[in-house]
């Protein structure tokens, strides 16, 4: 996954970037995209859920803000 600078958020940049990444991955034979985010990055988790990623795991860390949430999106049509 990529990131978007705060001043460019809510302009469709993240969606365009994610779509381009998915297209690239499909082209090269990948069947899914998986990434992890931290609990403190709520916007990233919301973005993932809105874009058909499923929560596939959770890794507890020393503080609740840095717990890891793993998500995956299938690229098969």
PDB file of N, CA and C in Angstrom:
ATOM      1  N   UNK A   1       0.847  -1.177   0.000  1.00  0.00           N
ATOM      2  CA  UNK A   1       0.000   0.000   0.000  1.00  0.00           C
ATOM      3  C   UNK A   1       0.882   1.227   0.000  1.00  0.00           C
ATOM      4  N   UNK A   2       0.302   2.282  -0.437  1.00  0.00           N
ATOM      5  CA  UNK A   2       0.992   3.559  -0.453  1.00  0.00           C
ATOM      6  C   UNK A   2       0.370   4.491   0.559  1.00  0.00           C
ATOM      7  N   UNK A   3       0.900   5.654   0.611  1.00  0.00           N
ATOM      8  CA  UNK A   3       0.378   6.659   1.526  1.00  0.00           C
ATOM      9  C   UNK A   3       0.118   7.957   0.786  1.00  0.00           C
ATOM     10  N   UNK A   4      -0.703   8.790   1.379  1.00  0.00           N
ATOM     11  CA  UNK A   4      -1.056  10.075   0.777  1.00  0.00           C
ATOM     12  C   UNK A   4      -0.793  11.167   1.815  1.00  0.00           C
ATOM     13  N   UNK A   5      -0.094  12.186   1.408  1.00  0.00           N
ATOM     14  CA  UNK A   5       0.180  13.314   2.296  1.00  0.00           C
ATOM     15  C   UNK A   5      -1.141  13.931   2.767  1.00  0.00           C
ATOM     16  N   UNK A   6      -1.195  14.390   4.015  1.00  0.00           N
ATOM     17  CA  UNK A   6      -2.451  14.918   4.568  1.00  0.00           C
ATOM     18  C   UNK A   6      -3.144  15.974   3.706  1.00  0.00           C
ATOM     19  N   UNK A   7      -2.386  16.846   3.075  1.00  0.00           N
ATOM     20  CA  UNK A   7      -3.015  17.920   2.290  1.00  0.00           C
ATOM     21  C   UNK A   7      -3.688  17.411   1.012  1.00  0.00           C
ATOM     22  N   UNK A   8      -3.433  16.147   0.637  1.00  0.00           N
ATOM     23  CA  UNK A   8      -4.034  15.579  -0.567  1.00  0.00           C
ATOM     24  C   UNK A   8      -5.072  14.508  -0.260  1.00  0.00           C
ATOM     25  N   UNK A   9      -5.408  14.350   1.004  1.00  0.00           N
ATOM     26  CA  UNK A   9      -6.402  13.350   1.388  1.00  0.00           C
ATOM     27  C   UNK A   9      -7.817  13.845   1.070  1.00  0.00           C
ATOM     28  N   UNK A  10      -8.721  12.906   0.887  1.00  0.00           N
ATOM     29  CA  UNK A  10     -10.133  13.172   0.575  1.00  0.00           C
ATOM     30  C   UNK A  10     -10.311  13.800  -0.807  1.00  0.00           C
ATOM     31  N   UNK A  11      -9.337  13.536  -1.688  1.00  0.00           N
ATOM     32  CA  UNK A  11      -9.419  14.017  -3.065  1.00  0.00           C
ATOM     33  C   UNK A  11      -9.447  12.860  -4.065  1.00  0.00           C
ATOM     34  N   UNK A  12      -9.539  11.630  -3.550  1.00  0.00           N
ATOM     35  CA  UNK A  12      -9.561  10.473  -4.429  1.00  0.00           C
ATOM     36  C   UNK A  12      -8.184   9.928  -4.781  1.00  0.00           C
ATOM     37  N   UNK A  13      -7.140  10.515  -4.221  1.00  0.00           N
ATOM     38  CA  UNK A  13      -5.776  10.087  -4.527  1.00  0.00           C
ATOM     39  C   UNK A  13      -5.530   8.662  -4.023  1.00  0.00           C
ATOM     40  N   UNK A  14      -5.923   8.371  -2.797  1.00  0.00           N
ATOM     41  CA  UNK A  14      -5.697   7.035  -2.227  1.00  0.00           C
ATOM     42  C   UNK A  14      -6.422   5.970  -3.046  1.00  0.00           C
ATOM     43  N   UNK A  15      -7.628   6.243  -3.465  1.00  0.00           N
ATOM     44  CA  UNK A  15      -8.394   5.287  -4.269  1.00  0.00           C
ATOM     45  C   UNK A  15      -7.712   5.059  -5.614  1.00  0.00           C
ATOM     46  N   UNK A  16      -7.269   6.128  -6.246  1.00  0.00           N
ATOM     47  CA  UNK A  16      -6.581   6.001  -7.539  1.00  0.00           C
ATOM     48  C   UNK A  16      -5.282   5.214  -7.381  1.00  0.00           C
ATOM     49  N   UNK A  17      -4.547   5.477  -6.319  1.00  0.00           N
ATOM     50  CA  UNK A  17      -3.307   4.757  -6.056  1.00  0.00           C
ATOM     51  C   UNK A  17      -3.591   3.277  -5.799  1.00  0.00           C
ATOM     52  N   UNK A  18      -4.578   2.982  -4.973  1.00  0.00           N
ATOM     53  CA  UNK A  18      -4.931   1.594  -4.666  1.00  0.00           C
ATOM     54  C   UNK A  18      -5.393   0.858  -5.921  1.00  0.00           C
ATOM     55  N   UNK A  19      -6.171   1.515  -6.769  1.00  0.00           N
ATOM     56  CA  UNK A  19      -6.627   0.894  -8.017  1.00  0.00           C
ATOM     57  C   UNK A  19      -5.446   0.602  -8.943  1.00  0.00           C
ATOM     58  N   UNK A  20      -4.504   1.540  -9.035  1.00  0.00           N
ATOM     59  CA  UNK A  20      -3.317   1.337  -9.874  1.00  0.00           C
ATOM     60  C   UNK A  20      -2.474   0.178  -9.334  1.00  0.00           C
ATOM     61  N   UNK A  21      -2.359   0.093  -8.021  1.00  0.00           N
ATOM     62  CA  UNK A  21      -1.603  -1.008  -7.423  1.00  0.00           C
ATOM     63  C   UNK A  21      -2.282  -2.350  -7.705  1.00  0.00           C
ATOM     64  N   UNK A  22      -3.593  -2.388  -7.598  1.00  0.00           N
ATOM     65  CA  UNK A  22      -4.336  -3.623  -7.867  1.00  0.00           C
ATOM     66  C   UNK A  22      -4.189  -4.023  -9.334  1.00  0.00           C
ATOM     67  N   UNK A  23      -4.264  -3.061 -10.230  1.00  0.00           N
ATOM     68  CA  UNK A  23      -4.091  -3.351 -11.658  1.00  0.00           C
ATOM     69  C   UNK A  23      -2.703  -3.926 -11.927  1.00  0.00           C
ATOM     70  N   UNK A  24      -1.683  -3.334 -11.323  1.00  0.00           N
ATOM     71  CA  UNK A  24      -0.313  -3.817 -11.487  1.00  0.00           C
ATOM     72  C   UNK A  24      -0.202  -5.246 -10.959  1.00  0.00           C
ATOM     73  N   UNK A  25      -0.740  -5.486  -9.766  1.00  0.00           N
ATOM     74  CA  UNK A  25      -0.654  -6.813  -9.150  1.00  0.00           C
ATOM     75  C   UNK A  25      -1.361  -7.860 -10.013  1.00  0.00           C
ATOM     76  N   UNK A  26      -2.543  -7.533 -10.538  1.00  0.00           N
ATOM     77  CA  UNK A  26      -3.264  -8.468 -11.416  1.00  0.00           C
ATOM     78  C   UNK A  26      -2.434  -8.781 -12.658  1.00  0.00           C
ATOM     79  N   UNK A  27      -1.856  -7.743 -13.252  1.00  0.00           N
ATOM     80  CA  UNK A  27      -1.049  -7.895 -14.464  1.00  0.00           C
ATOM     81  C   UNK A  27       0.092  -8.882 -14.249  1.00  0.00           C
ATOM     82  N   UNK A  28       0.658  -8.873 -13.061  1.00  0.00           N
ATOM     83  CA  UNK A  28       1.802  -9.736 -12.769  1.00  0.00           C
ATOM     84  C   UNK A  28       1.416 -11.019 -12.038  1.00  0.00           C
ATOM     85  N   UNK A  29       0.141 -11.358 -12.071  1.00  0.00           N
ATOM     86  CA  UNK A  29      -0.310 -12.660 -11.617  1.00  0.00           C
ATOM     87  C   UNK A  29      -0.598 -12.814 -10.134  1.00  0.00           C
ATOM     88  N   UNK A  30      -0.659 -11.733  -9.395  1.00  0.00           N
ATOM     89  CA  UNK A  30      -0.992 -11.839  -7.971  1.00  0.00           C
ATOM     90  C   UNK A  30      -2.491 -12.070  -7.813  1.00  0.00           C
ATOM     91  N   UNK A  31      -2.855 -12.839  -6.795  1.00  0.00           N
ATOM     92  CA  UNK A  31      -4.273 -13.144  -6.583  1.00  0.00           C
ATOM     93  C   UNK A  31      -4.892 -12.308  -5.461  1.00  0.00           C
ATOM     94  N   UNK A  32      -4.052 -11.610  -4.705  1.00  0.00           N
ATOM     95  CA  UNK A  32      -4.579 -10.776  -3.618  1.00  0.00           C
ATOM     96  C   UNK A  32      -3.555  -9.723  -3.212  1.00  0.00           C
ATOM     97  N   UNK A  33      -4.037  -8.751  -2.463  1.00  0.00           N
ATOM     98  CA  UNK A  33      -3.181  -7.736  -1.847  1.00  0.00           C
ATOM     99  C   UNK A  33      -3.434  -7.793  -0.354  1.00  0.00           C
ATOM    100  N   UNK A  34      -2.364  -7.852   0.412  1.00  0.00           N
ATOM    101  CA  UNK A  34      -2.452  -7.897   1.864  1.00  0.00           C
ATOM    102  C   UNK A  34      -1.617  -6.773   2.438  1.00  0.00           C
ATOM    103  N   UNK A  35      -2.133  -6.113   3.454  1.00  0.00           N
ATOM    104  CA  UNK A  35      -1.322  -5.134   4.163  1.00  0.00           C
ATOM    105  C   UNK A  35      -1.731  -5.088   5.622  1.00  0.00           C
ATOM    106  N   UNK A  36      -0.892  -4.461   6.416  1.00  0.00           N
ATOM    107  CA  UNK A  36      -1.234  -4.284   7.820  1.00  0.00           C
ATOM    108  C   UNK A  36      -1.195  -2.804   8.145  1.00  0.00           C
ATOM    109  N   UNK A  37      -2.030  -2.441   9.073  1.00  0.00           N
ATOM    110  CA  UNK A  37      -2.073  -1.075   9.557  1.00  0.00           C
ATOM    111  C   UNK A  37      -2.101  -1.120  11.076  1.00  0.00           C
ATOM    112  N   UNK A  38      -1.867  -0.005  11.673  1.00  0.00           N
ATOM    113  CA  UNK A  38      -1.904   0.065  13.136  1.00  0.00           C
ATOM    114  C   UNK A  38      -3.258   0.577  13.593  1.00  0.00           C
ATOM    115  N   UNK A  39      -3.626   0.193  14.770  1.00  0.00           N
ATOM    116  CA  UNK A  39      -4.906   0.593  15.342  1.00  0.00           C
ATOM    117  C   UNK A  39      -5.059   2.116  15.361  1.00  0.00           C
ATOM    118  N   UNK A  40      -3.970   2.834  15.508  1.00  0.00           N
ATOM    119  CA  UNK A  40      -4.027   4.296  15.565  1.00  0.00           C
ATOM    120  C   UNK A  40      -4.397   4.920  14.217  1.00  0.00           C
ATOM    121  N   UNK A  41      -4.284   4.175  13.140  1.00  0.00           N
ATOM    122  CA  UNK A  41      -4.591   4.701  11.804  1.00  0.00           C
ATOM    123  C   UNK A  41      -6.008   4.297  11.391  1.00  0.00           C
ATOM    124  N   UNK A  42      -6.971   4.836  12.087  1.00  0.00           N
ATOM    125  CA  UNK A  42      -8.379   4.474  11.858  1.00  0.00           C
ATOM    126  C   UNK A  42      -8.815   4.756  10.421  1.00  0.00           C
ATOM    127  N   UNK A  43      -8.357   5.866   9.854  1.00  0.00           N
ATOM    128  CA  UNK A  43      -8.760   6.224   8.491  1.00  0.00           C
ATOM    129  C   UNK A  43      -8.298   5.167   7.488  1.00  0.00           C
ATOM    130  N   UNK A  44      -7.138   4.591   7.720  1.00  0.00           N
ATOM    131  CA  UNK A  44      -6.629   3.552   6.819  1.00  0.00           C
ATOM    132  C   UNK A  44      -7.487   2.294   6.917  1.00  0.00           C
ATOM    133  N   UNK A  45      -7.898   1.949   8.107  1.00  0.00           N
ATOM    134  CA  UNK A  45      -8.759   0.784   8.292  1.00  0.00           C
ATOM    135  C   UNK A  45     -10.119   1.012   7.630  1.00  0.00           C
ATOM    136  N   UNK A  46     -10.689   2.185   7.803  1.00  0.00           N
ATOM    137  CA  UNK A  46     -11.965   2.520   7.167  1.00  0.00           C
ATOM    138  C   UNK A  46     -11.820   2.463   5.643  1.00  0.00           C
ATOM    139  N   UNK A  47     -10.716   3.021   5.136  1.00  0.00           N
ATOM    140  CA  UNK A  47     -10.449   2.976   3.690  1.00  0.00           C
ATOM    141  C   UNK A  47     -10.411   1.528   3.199  1.00  0.00           C
ATOM    142  N   UNK A  48      -9.702   0.679   3.928  1.00  0.00           N
ATOM    143  CA  UNK A  48      -9.585  -0.727   3.536  1.00  0.00           C
ATOM    144  C   UNK A  48     -10.962  -1.396   3.491  1.00  0.00           C
ATOM    145  N   UNK A  49     -11.753  -1.198   4.510  1.00  0.00           N
ATOM    146  CA  UNK A  49     -13.069  -1.830   4.561  1.00  0.00           C
ATOM    147  C   UNK A  49     -13.985  -1.320   3.449  1.00  0.00           C
ATOM    148  N   UNK A  50     -13.916  -0.044   3.149  1.00  0.00           N
ATOM    149  CA  UNK A  50     -14.737   0.525   2.076  1.00  0.00           C
ATOM    150  C   UNK A  50     -14.302   0.028   0.700  1.00  0.00           C
ATOM    151  N   UNK A  51     -13.059  -0.458   0.609  1.00  0.00           N
ATOM    152  CA  UNK A  51     -12.511  -0.895  -0.670  1.00  0.00           C
ATOM    153  C   UNK A  51     -12.345  -2.413  -0.740  1.00  0.00           C
ATOM    154  N   UNK A  52     -13.253  -3.125  -0.094  1.00  0.00           N
ATOM    155  CA  UNK A  52     -13.434  -4.568  -0.205  1.00  0.00           C
ATOM    156  C   UNK A  52     -12.265  -5.390   0.374  1.00  0.00           C
ATOM    157  N   UNK A  53     -11.508  -4.821   1.277  1.00  0.00           N
ATOM    158  CA  UNK A  53     -10.511  -5.596   2.015  1.00  0.00           C
ATOM    159  C   UNK A  53     -11.222  -6.250   3.194  1.00  0.00           C
ATOM    160  N   UNK A  54     -10.773  -7.425   3.565  1.00  0.00           N
ATOM    161  CA  UNK A  54     -11.317  -8.138   4.717  1.00  0.00           C
ATOM    162  C   UNK A  54     -10.260  -8.225   5.806  1.00  0.00           C
ATOM    163  N   UNK A  55     -10.674  -8.114   7.039  1.00  0.00           N
ATOM    164  CA  UNK A  55      -9.751  -8.294   8.161  1.00  0.00           C
ATOM    165  C   UNK A  55      -9.415  -9.775   8.244  1.00  0.00           C
ATOM    166  N   UNK A  56      -8.117 -10.092   8.222  1.00  0.00           N
ATOM    167  CA  UNK A  56      -7.696 -11.491   8.261  1.00  0.00           C
ATOM    168  C   UNK A  56      -6.850 -11.816   9.485  1.00  0.00           C
ATOM    169  N   UNK A  57      -6.494 -10.806  10.266  1.00  0.00           N
ATOM    170  CA  UNK A  57      -5.676 -11.090  11.434  1.00  0.00           C
ATOM    171  C   UNK A  57      -5.466  -9.867  12.298  1.00  0.00           C
ATOM    172  N   UNK A  58      -4.907 -10.147  13.444  1.00  0.00           N
ATOM    173  CA  UNK A  58      -4.690  -9.115  14.444  1.00  0.00           C
ATOM    174  C   UNK A  58      -3.442  -9.493  15.225  1.00  0.00           C
ATOM    175  N   UNK A  59      -2.538  -8.547  15.418  1.00  0.00           N
ATOM    176  CA  UNK A  59      -1.334  -8.804  16.199  1.00  0.00           C
ATOM    177  C   UNK A  59      -1.277  -7.810  17.352  1.00  0.00           C
ATOM    178  N   UNK A  60      -1.434  -8.342  18.529  1.00  0.00           N
ATOM    179  CA  UNK A  60      -1.416  -7.493  19.720  1.00  0.00           C
ATOM    180  C   UNK A  60       0.007  -7.021  19.991  1.00  0.00           C
ATOM    181  N   UNK A  61       0.135  -5.764  20.355  1.00  0.00           N
ATOM    182  CA  UNK A  61       1.424  -5.175  20.703  1.00  0.00           C
ATOM    183  C   UNK A  61       1.343  -4.605  22.111  1.00  0.00           C
ATOM    184  N   UNK A  62       2.412  -3.949  22.521  1.00  0.00           N
ATOM    185  CA  UNK A  62       2.530  -3.463  23.901  1.00  0.00           C
ATOM    186  C   UNK A  62       1.523  -2.362  24.251  1.00  0.00           C
ATOM    187  N   UNK A  63       1.070  -1.621  23.269  1.00  0.00           N
ATOM    188  CA  UNK A  63       0.099  -0.545  23.511  1.00  0.00           C
ATOM    189  C   UNK A  63      -1.012  -0.648  22.470  1.00  0.00           C
ATOM    190  N   UNK A  64      -2.230  -0.377  22.869  1.00  0.00           N
ATOM    191  CA  UNK A  64      -3.391  -0.547  21.986  1.00  0.00           C
ATOM    192  C   UNK A  64      -3.267   0.234  20.675  1.00  0.00           C
ATOM    193  N   UNK A  65      -2.645   1.410  20.702  1.00  0.00           N
ATOM    194  CA  UNK A  65      -2.514   2.210  19.477  1.00  0.00           C
ATOM    195  C   UNK A  65      -1.653   1.546  18.412  1.00  0.00           C
ATOM    196  N   UNK A  66      -0.748   0.680  18.819  1.00  0.00           N
ATOM    197  CA  UNK A  66       0.154   0.056  17.844  1.00  0.00           C
ATOM    198  C   UNK A  66      -0.178  -1.410  17.551  1.00  0.00           C
ATOM    199  N   UNK A  67      -1.323  -1.887  18.047  1.00  0.00           N
ATOM    200  CA  UNK A  67      -1.785  -3.218  17.630  1.00  0.00           C
ATOM    201  C   UNK A  67      -1.865  -3.215  16.103  1.00  0.00           C
ATOM    202  N   UNK A  68      -1.525  -4.339  15.478  1.00  0.00           N
ATOM    203  CA  UNK A  68      -1.565  -4.445  14.016  1.00  0.00           C
ATOM    204  C   UNK A  68      -2.851  -5.125  13.576  1.00  0.00           C
ATOM    205  N   UNK A  69      -3.426  -4.614  12.508  1.00  0.00           N
ATOM    206  CA  UNK A  69      -4.619  -5.199  11.900  1.00  0.00           C
ATOM    207  C   UNK A  69      -4.234  -5.579  10.464  1.00  0.00           C
ATOM    208  N   UNK A  70      -4.388  -6.847  10.124  1.00  0.00           N
ATOM    209  CA  UNK A  70      -4.042  -7.333   8.800  1.00  0.00           C
ATOM    210  C   UNK A  70      -5.297  -7.433   7.948  1.00  0.00           C
ATOM    211  N   UNK A  71      -5.194  -6.943   6.713  1.00  0.00           N
ATOM    212  CA  UNK A  71      -6.340  -6.960   5.803  1.00  0.00           C
ATOM    213  C   UNK A  71      -5.904  -7.507   4.441  1.00  0.00           C
ATOM    214  N   UNK A  72      -6.867  -8.106   3.735  1.00  0.00           N
ATOM    215  CA  UNK A  72      -6.559  -8.681   2.417  1.00  0.00           C
ATOM    216  C   UNK A  72      -7.744  -8.452   1.484  1.00  0.00           C
ATOM    217  N   UNK A  73      -7.383  -8.237   0.214  1.00  0.00           N
ATOM    218  CA  UNK A  73      -8.384  -8.067  -0.847  1.00  0.00           C
ATOM    219  C   UNK A  73      -8.057  -9.062  -1.955  1.00  0.00           C
ATOM    220  N   UNK A  74      -9.055  -9.816  -2.361  1.00  0.00           N
ATOM    221  CA  UNK A  74      -8.880 -10.734  -3.480  1.00  0.00           C
ATOM    222  C   UNK A  74      -8.891  -9.945  -4.783  1.00  0.00           C
ATOM    223  N   UNK A  75      -8.043 -10.348  -5.704  1.00  0.00           N
ATOM    224  CA  UNK A  75      -7.980  -9.689  -7.012  1.00  0.00           C
ATOM    225  C   UNK A  75      -8.662 -10.511  -8.092  1.00  0.00           C
ATOM    226  N   UNK A  76      -9.232 -11.638  -7.690  1.00  0.00           N
ATOM    227  CA  UNK A  76      -9.926 -12.485  -8.666  1.00  0.00           C
ATOM    228  C   UNK A  76     -11.329 -11.943  -8.894  1.00  0.00           C
ATOM    229  N   UNK A  77     -11.718 -11.895 -10.129  1.00  0.00           N
ATOM    230  CA  UNK A  77     -13.034 -11.349 -10.473  1.00  0.00           C
ATOM    231  C   UNK A  77     -14.138 -12.346 -10.270  1.00  0.00           C
TER     232      UNK A  77
END
